[in-house]
């Protein structure tokens, strides 16, 4: 799994002029799934996301998590995170999981994040043409890959 995580002061997802999810302070998480991803990858990433210390403490240091600040998460499915651009100018998405595998993983991630945060996280619509409005706070943007867990 790959995730692009942005600390936001607000974020919203629109599908066909309908808001499907909106948060104020929290994390916008763009999530990509590949076929090799497992429930172990999902659990590792979920734990990292809710405990990631990217919010400022009283001294202005990034020492607080989304849990610590009472923030929320807007989770968006994003198969394009697995784009391969080595050859030509048209990206290949062959590494992205098929929807029949990726959608249940996306739903399971949403459930796990909600459980860990103790509140319902907000969602986009899997496979839809989404418009995301956000204000990146900092800016703070972090790219995470579950393949990296094996290096630690």
Protein backbone atom coordinates (compact mmCIF):
# COMPACT_ATOMS: atom_id res chain seq x y z
CA UNK A 1 0.00 0.00 0.00
CA UNK A 2 1.04 3.51 -0.67
CA UNK A 3 -0.34 6.58 1.01
CA UNK A 4 0.16 10.26 0.47
CA UNK A 5 -0.66 11.91 3.78
CA UNK A 6 -1.34 15.62 4.05
CA UNK A 7 -1.88 17.53 7.27
CA UNK A 8 -4.88 19.73 6.54
CA UNK A 9 -6.87 22.49 8.19
CA UNK A 10 -9.82 21.35 6.07
CA UNK A 11 -10.52 18.89 3.27
CA UNK A 12 -13.64 17.81 1.39
CA UNK A 13 -14.52 15.31 -1.32
CA UNK A 14 -17.17 16.07 -3.93
CA UNK A 15 -18.75 13.53 -6.30
CA UNK A 16 -21.32 14.85 -8.77
CA UNK A 17 -21.78 18.05 -6.75
CA UNK A 18 -22.43 16.07 -3.56
CA UNK A 19 -20.07 16.23 -0.58
CA UNK A 20 -19.20 12.66 0.41
CA UNK A 21 -16.82 13.54 3.21
CA UNK A 22 -15.53 16.67 4.90
CA UNK A 23 -13.10 17.26 7.75
CA UNK A 24 -11.57 20.21 9.48
CA UNK A 25 -8.18 19.68 11.21
CA UNK A 26 -6.80 16.27 10.40
CA UNK A 27 -5.24 14.13 7.70
CA UNK A 28 -6.15 13.75 4.06
CA UNK A 29 -4.97 10.26 3.10
CA UNK A 30 -4.75 9.21 -0.54
CA UNK A 31 -4.53 5.40 -0.50
CA UNK A 32 -3.28 3.11 -3.26
CA UNK A 33 -3.55 -0.68 -3.08
CA UNK A 34 -1.60 -3.31 -5.02
CA UNK A 35 -2.34 -7.04 -5.32
CA UNK A 36 0.48 -8.06 -2.94
CA UNK A 37 -0.92 -5.99 -0.08
CA UNK A 38 -2.05 -7.97 2.95
CA UNK A 39 -4.04 -7.39 6.12
CA UNK A 40 -0.64 -7.07 7.85
CA UNK A 41 0.17 -4.14 5.53
CA UNK A 42 -3.23 -2.62 6.26
CA UNK A 43 -2.75 -2.89 10.03
CA UNK A 44 0.80 -1.47 9.91
CA UNK A 45 -0.31 1.52 7.84
CA UNK A 46 -3.44 2.17 9.92
CA UNK A 47 -1.38 2.22 13.12
CA UNK A 48 1.18 4.55 11.53
CA UNK A 49 -1.50 6.94 10.28
CA UNK A 50 -3.29 7.42 13.60
CA UNK A 51 -0.03 7.72 15.53
CA UNK A 52 1.94 9.84 13.04
CA UNK A 53 3.18 12.87 14.97
CA UNK A 54 2.76 15.71 12.48
CA UNK A 55 0.72 18.18 14.52
CA UNK A 56 2.34 20.91 16.59
CA UNK A 57 2.58 20.80 20.35
CA UNK A 58 2.66 23.86 22.62
CA UNK A 59 6.34 24.46 21.71
CA UNK A 60 5.57 24.38 17.98
CA UNK A 61 7.22 20.98 17.46
CA UNK A 62 5.55 18.18 15.51
CA UNK A 63 4.87 15.95 18.51
CA UNK A 64 1.13 15.29 18.33
CA UNK A 65 -0.88 12.77 16.34
CA UNK A 66 -4.29 13.19 14.74
CA UNK A 67 -5.65 11.39 17.83
CA UNK A 68 -3.92 13.81 20.19
CA UNK A 69 -5.44 16.89 18.51
CA UNK A 70 -8.93 15.41 18.14
CA UNK A 71 -8.65 15.54 14.35
CA UNK A 72 -10.20 13.32 11.73
CA UNK A 73 -9.17 11.54 8.53
CA UNK A 74 -10.54 11.88 5.01
CA UNK A 75 -9.63 8.66 3.16
CA UNK A 76 -9.57 8.71 -0.65
CA UNK A 77 -8.88 5.72 -2.92
CA UNK A 78 -6.10 6.59 -5.36
CA UNK A 79 -4.94 3.85 -7.76
CA UNK A 80 -2.75 6.38 -9.60
CA UNK A 81 -0.24 6.20 -6.73
CA UNK A 82 1.07 3.10 -8.50
CA UNK A 83 1.64 4.85 -11.83
CA UNK A 84 4.72 3.70 -13.70
CA UNK A 85 6.21 6.43 -15.86
CA UNK A 86 9.53 4.91 -16.90
CA UNK A 87 8.53 4.32 -20.52
CA UNK A 88 6.71 6.79 -22.73
CA UNK A 89 4.44 9.57 -21.59
CA UNK A 90 1.31 7.62 -20.73
CA UNK A 91 1.42 6.23 -17.18
CA UNK A 92 0.88 2.51 -16.70
CA UNK A 93 -1.20 1.40 -13.74
CA UNK A 94 -0.50 -2.32 -14.02
CA UNK A 95 0.77 -2.51 -10.43
CA UNK A 96 -2.47 -1.13 -8.98
CA UNK A 97 -4.81 -3.78 -7.62
CA UNK A 98 -7.97 -4.61 -9.52
CA UNK A 99 -11.11 -3.05 -8.02
CA UNK A 100 -12.35 -6.44 -6.80
CA UNK A 101 -9.32 -6.58 -4.47
CA UNK A 102 -8.67 -2.88 -3.86
CA UNK A 103 -12.19 -1.85 -2.83
CA UNK A 104 -12.49 -4.32 0.08
CA UNK A 105 -9.01 -3.27 1.25
CA UNK A 106 -10.09 0.40 1.10
CA UNK A 107 -13.25 -0.37 3.08
CA UNK A 108 -11.27 -2.41 5.62
CA UNK A 109 -8.79 0.45 6.01
CA UNK A 110 -11.65 2.87 6.65
CA UNK A 111 -13.12 0.53 9.27
CA UNK A 112 -9.76 0.03 10.98
CA UNK A 113 -8.98 3.77 11.04
CA UNK A 114 -12.43 4.50 12.50
CA UNK A 115 -11.87 1.86 15.17
CA UNK A 116 -8.45 3.23 16.08
CA UNK A 117 -9.61 6.87 16.17
CA UNK A 118 -12.85 6.07 17.98
CA UNK A 119 -14.82 8.13 15.46
CA UNK A 120 -16.20 7.63 11.99
CA UNK A 121 -13.64 8.77 9.44
CA UNK A 122 -14.79 10.46 6.24
CA UNK A 123 -14.58 8.89 2.81
CA UNK A 124 -14.50 9.48 -0.88
CA UNK A 125 -16.30 7.11 -3.25
CA UNK A 126 -14.24 4.20 -4.53
CA UNK A 127 -13.77 4.39 -8.30
CA UNK A 128 -15.65 7.67 -8.68
CA UNK A 129 -14.48 10.86 -10.35
CA UNK A 130 -13.78 12.85 -7.19
CA UNK A 131 -12.95 16.51 -6.70
CA UNK A 132 -10.86 17.10 -3.59
CA UNK A 133 -10.70 20.51 -1.97
CA UNK A 134 -8.05 20.92 0.71
CA UNK A 135 -5.91 23.36 2.58
CA UNK A 136 -2.56 21.70 3.26
CA UNK A 137 -1.38 22.96 6.64
CA UNK A 138 2.35 23.64 6.79
CA UNK A 139 2.56 22.37 4.12
CA UNK A 140 3.09 18.89 5.52
CA UNK A 141 2.98 16.04 3.00
CA UNK A 142 4.38 12.58 3.67
CA UNK A 143 4.60 9.59 1.33
CA UNK A 144 4.30 6.20 3.02
CA UNK A 145 4.78 2.73 1.57
CA UNK A 146 4.11 -0.50 3.44
CA UNK A 147 7.12 -2.02 1.69
CA UNK A 148 9.20 0.28 3.90
CA UNK A 149 8.14 -1.59 7.06
CA UNK A 150 10.49 -4.40 6.09
CA UNK A 151 13.50 -2.07 6.31
CA UNK A 152 12.98 -1.26 10.00
